[in-house]
Amino acid sequence: MSVQTTYQQYLDREEYNLLDYERNDEILESFKEKNPKLSDVDDRQLIAYLTDENVDWPTQYFVADLLYLYEEFSPQLMEAMLNTGVYFRDPSFNRIFLRPCMRSSRQSEAMNWLVEKFQGGNMLERIGISNLYYWLKAEPVERTSLRNAIATRAKNTDNLLELYFYQLAIGKIKRRLKRIPKDADTLIKKIKGNSEYENFVTEKLGWEI
């Protein structure tokens, strides 16, 4: 059974994230049984599914769901998974791209990638990684380095949007004379009239305000 055939069966079923909810997934488990290790061809195909600019979310879900079953996959596929999680707009489901990496043999590499990406990334990437940090609390992984990177950035920025997301990730951030909103509704009220902030949350984060 090829990746493409399994992918089509997965899409036709229109049911996603079964493994994430600790349910059986006969389609993916059948592929894993016949393919104990991912081939180079499989690897390239899965990366293409994640990185194609015209890709839709069910396609991305397929890759993430399949990798729940694999402890070993390439560093290139790991990076594509993490990058998808960073840019994924729904913070309720970005975890599905993170968890397979954290439960794989590349856990340490994945954590180092997140730290380096956070420290060298743009604002959208930093926010995306701080959103992923929330899910690390449920994983058996050492996350101190990433928490420290987020805390350091929080001390050195006055950007209200960043501070809001960092506080969600690591807990209360104390800033003199600056009250950080505790929820999205309060944040939207706080940024009302600030075109830079409003444009960022609507165009980059996909919020409706």
Protein backbone atom coordinates (compact mmCIF):
# COMPACT_ATOMS: atom_id res chain seq x y z
CA MET A 1 0.00 0.00 0.00
CA SER A 2 1.46 3.37 -1.05
CA VAL A 3 1.30 6.67 0.80
CA GLN A 4 -0.89 8.08 -1.97
CA THR A 5 -3.40 5.22 -1.69
CA THR A 6 -3.52 5.51 2.09
CA TYR A 7 -3.91 9.26 1.80
CA GLN A 8 -6.90 8.92 -0.52
CA GLN A 9 -8.58 6.38 1.75
CA TYR A 10 -8.00 8.70 4.70
CA LEU A 11 -9.57 11.66 2.88
CA ASP A 12 -12.53 9.62 1.65
CA ARG A 13 -13.34 8.58 5.19
CA GLU A 14 -13.56 12.22 6.38
CA GLU A 15 -12.57 11.36 9.93
CA TYR A 16 -9.41 12.83 11.44
CA ASN A 17 -7.21 12.77 14.55
CA LEU A 18 -8.36 9.36 15.77
CA LEU A 19 -4.93 8.48 17.13
CA ASP A 20 -4.69 11.83 18.89
CA TYR A 21 -7.85 10.88 20.76
CA GLU A 22 -6.43 7.41 21.52
CA ARG A 23 -8.73 5.61 19.10
CA ASN A 24 -7.83 2.95 16.56
CA ASP A 25 -7.21 4.02 12.98
CA GLU A 26 -7.37 0.95 10.76
CA ILE A 27 -6.31 2.78 7.61
CA LEU A 28 -3.11 4.21 9.07
CA GLU A 29 -2.34 1.16 11.16
CA SER A 30 -2.60 -1.03 8.05
CA PHE A 31 -0.07 1.18 6.27
CA LYS A 32 2.29 1.02 9.27
CA GLU A 33 2.04 -2.78 9.40
CA LYS A 34 3.04 -3.04 5.75
CA ASN A 35 5.64 -0.26 6.01
CA PRO A 36 7.44 -0.55 9.37
CA LYS A 37 9.88 2.13 8.21
CA LEU A 38 9.17 5.10 5.96
CA SER A 39 11.05 4.94 2.68
CA ASP A 40 12.81 7.95 1.17
CA VAL A 41 9.96 8.17 -1.35
CA ASP A 42 7.39 8.15 1.47
CA ASP A 43 9.39 10.77 3.31
CA ARG A 44 9.51 13.14 0.34
CA GLN A 45 5.81 12.66 -0.34
CA LEU A 46 4.84 13.48 3.25
CA ILE A 47 7.02 16.59 3.24
CA ALA A 48 5.35 17.66 -0.01
CA TYR A 49 1.92 17.18 1.58
CA LEU A 50 2.95 19.57 4.37
CA THR A 51 4.77 22.20 2.35
CA ASP A 52 2.73 22.56 -0.83
CA GLU A 53 1.40 26.14 -0.78
CA ASN A 54 -1.96 24.91 -2.08
CA VAL A 55 -2.35 22.25 0.59
CA ASP A 56 -5.51 22.08 2.71
CA TRP A 57 -5.80 21.13 6.37
CA PRO A 58 -7.07 17.53 5.84
CA THR A 59 -3.87 16.84 3.91
CA GLN A 60 -1.76 18.22 6.73
CA TYR A 61 -3.79 16.22 9.24
CA PHE A 62 -3.04 13.05 7.29
CA VAL A 63 0.71 13.49 7.70
CA ALA A 64 0.46 14.31 11.39
CA ASP A 65 -1.89 11.42 12.09
CA LEU A 66 0.32 8.93 10.24
CA LEU A 67 3.44 10.02 12.12
CA TYR A 68 1.80 9.21 15.45
CA LEU A 69 2.66 5.62 14.53
CA TYR A 70 6.36 6.19 13.75
CA GLU A 71 9.20 6.70 16.17
CA GLU A 72 11.71 7.22 13.36
CA PHE A 73 11.45 9.78 10.59
CA SER A 74 13.87 12.16 8.90
CA PRO A 75 15.00 15.51 10.34
CA GLN A 76 13.57 17.18 7.23
CA LEU A 77 10.14 15.70 7.92
CA MET A 78 10.42 16.69 11.58
CA GLU A 79 11.15 20.30 10.60
CA ALA A 80 8.26 20.35 8.15
CA MET A 81 5.93 19.07 10.89
CA LEU A 82 7.07 21.65 13.41
CA ASN A 83 6.93 24.47 10.90
CA THR A 84 3.38 23.50 10.00
CA GLY A 85 2.48 23.60 13.69
CA VAL A 86 4.04 27.04 14.09
CA TYR A 87 1.96 28.52 11.27
CA PHE A 88 -1.23 26.54 11.90
CA ARG A 89 -3.91 29.05 12.80
CA ASP A 90 -6.06 26.89 15.04
CA PRO A 91 -4.33 26.66 18.45
CA SER A 92 -6.65 23.82 19.41
CA PHE A 93 -5.19 21.52 16.75
CA ASN A 94 -1.62 22.75 16.26
CA ARG A 95 -0.66 20.07 18.79
CA ILE A 96 -1.09 17.26 16.28
CA PHE A 97 2.05 18.43 14.46
CA LEU A 98 4.01 18.74 17.69
CA ARG A 99 3.18 15.51 19.51
CA PRO A 100 4.61 12.99 17.02
CA CYS A 101 7.92 14.90 17.11
CA MET A 102 7.98 14.94 20.90
CA ARG A 103 7.29 11.20 21.04
CA SER A 104 9.85 10.30 18.40
CA SER A 105 13.56 9.58 18.61
CA ARG A 106 14.12 13.21 17.53
CA GLN A 107 12.61 14.79 20.63
CA SER A 108 15.81 16.66 21.60
CA GLU A 109 16.35 17.87 18.04
CA ALA A 110 12.76 19.08 17.90
CA MET A 111 13.14 21.06 21.13
CA ASN A 112 16.37 22.63 19.91
CA TRP A 113 14.65 23.56 16.65
CA LEU A 114 11.83 25.29 18.53
CA VAL A 115 14.23 27.28 20.70
CA GLU A 116 16.37 28.39 17.76
CA LYS A 117 13.32 29.21 15.65
CA PHE A 118 11.85 31.27 18.47
CA GLN A 119 15.05 33.21 19.06
CA GLY A 120 15.66 33.91 15.36
CA GLY A 121 12.12 34.04 14.05
CA ASN A 122 9.70 36.81 13.23
CA MET A 123 6.77 37.87 15.39
CA LEU A 124 4.31 35.43 13.83
CA GLU A 125 6.74 32.55 14.35
CA ARG A 126 7.39 33.53 17.96
CA ILE A 127 3.67 33.62 18.66
CA GLY A 128 3.16 30.29 16.89
CA ILE A 129 5.86 28.64 18.97
CA SER A 130 4.48 30.09 22.20
CA ASN A 131 1.12 28.58 21.22
CA LEU A 132 2.82 25.20 20.79
CA TYR A 133 4.50 25.57 24.18
CA TYR A 134 1.10 25.16 25.84
CA TRP A 135 0.92 21.55 24.61
CA LEU A 136 4.44 20.71 25.75
CA LYS A 137 3.16 20.69 29.32
CA ALA A 138 1.47 17.36 28.57
CA GLU A 139 4.55 15.79 26.98
CA PRO A 140 7.45 13.98 28.71
CA VAL A 141 9.98 16.55 27.55
CA GLU A 142 12.39 19.04 29.10
CA ARG A 143 11.01 22.42 28.11
CA THR A 144 13.03 24.77 30.33
CA SER A 145 15.14 26.19 27.49
CA LEU A 146 12.10 27.18 25.47
CA ARG A 147 10.34 28.62 28.50
CA ASN A 148 13.43 30.70 29.28
CA ALA A 149 13.57 31.94 25.69
CA ILE A 150 9.92 33.02 25.87
CA ALA A 151 10.44 34.68 29.28
CA THR A 152 13.50 36.56 28.03
CA ARG A 153 11.62 37.87 25.02
CA ALA A 154 8.72 38.90 27.27
CA LYS A 155 11.11 41.00 29.37
CA ASN A 156 12.49 42.75 26.31
CA THR A 157 9.40 43.67 24.31
CA ASP A 158 6.58 46.13 24.80
CA ASN A 159 4.51 44.57 22.01
CA LEU A 160 1.12 43.93 23.57
CA LEU A 161 0.22 41.11 21.18
CA GLU A 162 3.39 39.20 21.92
CA LEU A 163 3.00 39.71 25.64
CA TYR A 164 -0.57 38.44 25.51
CA PHE A 165 0.46 35.17 23.87
CA TYR A 166 3.54 34.75 26.03
CA GLN A 167 1.42 35.11 29.15
CA LEU A 168 -0.93 32.41 27.86
CA ALA A 169 2.07 30.16 27.34
CA ILE A 170 4.15 30.58 30.50
CA GLY A 171 1.80 32.20 32.99
CA LYS A 172 1.43 35.67 34.46
CA ILE A 173 3.96 38.22 33.26
CA LYS A 174 4.46 41.24 35.49
CA ARG A 175 5.08 44.53 33.71
CA ARG A 176 5.13 47.90 35.43
CA LEU A 177 2.34 50.20 34.29
CA LYS A 178 1.26 47.67 31.65
CA ARG A 179 -1.70 45.37 32.19
CA ILE A 180 -1.67 42.41 29.83
CA PRO A 181 -5.16 41.22 28.78
CA LYS A 182 -6.19 37.82 30.15
CA ASP A 183 -8.53 36.86 27.30
CA ALA A 184 -9.07 37.50 23.60
CA ASP A 185 -12.10 39.77 24.05
CA THR A 186 -10.16 42.08 26.36
CA LEU A 187 -7.20 42.07 23.99
CA ILE A 188 -9.40 43.08 21.05
CA LYS A 189 -10.83 45.98 23.06
CA LYS A 190 -7.33 47.00 24.10
CA ILE A 191 -5.97 47.14 20.55
CA LYS A 192 -9.01 48.84 19.02
CA GLY A 193 -7.87 51.73 16.86
CA ASN A 194 -4.29 50.46 16.56
CA SER A 195 -4.13 49.59 12.87
CA GLU A 196 -0.83 47.72 13.17
CA TYR A 197 -2.18 45.37 15.81
CA GLU A 198 -5.59 45.03 14.17
CA ASN A 199 -4.06 44.17 10.81
CA PHE A 200 -1.79 41.58 12.39
CA VAL A 201 -4.53 39.69 14.21
CA THR A 202 -6.86 39.70 11.19
CA GLU A 203 -4.35 39.06 8.39
CA LYS A 204 -1.73 36.96 10.13
CA LEU A 205 -3.71 35.18 12.83
CA GLY A 206 -7.06 34.99 11.00
CA TRP A 207 -9.12 36.55 13.78
CA GLU A 208 -12.38 38.34 13.15
CA ILE A 209 -12.68 41.61 15.03
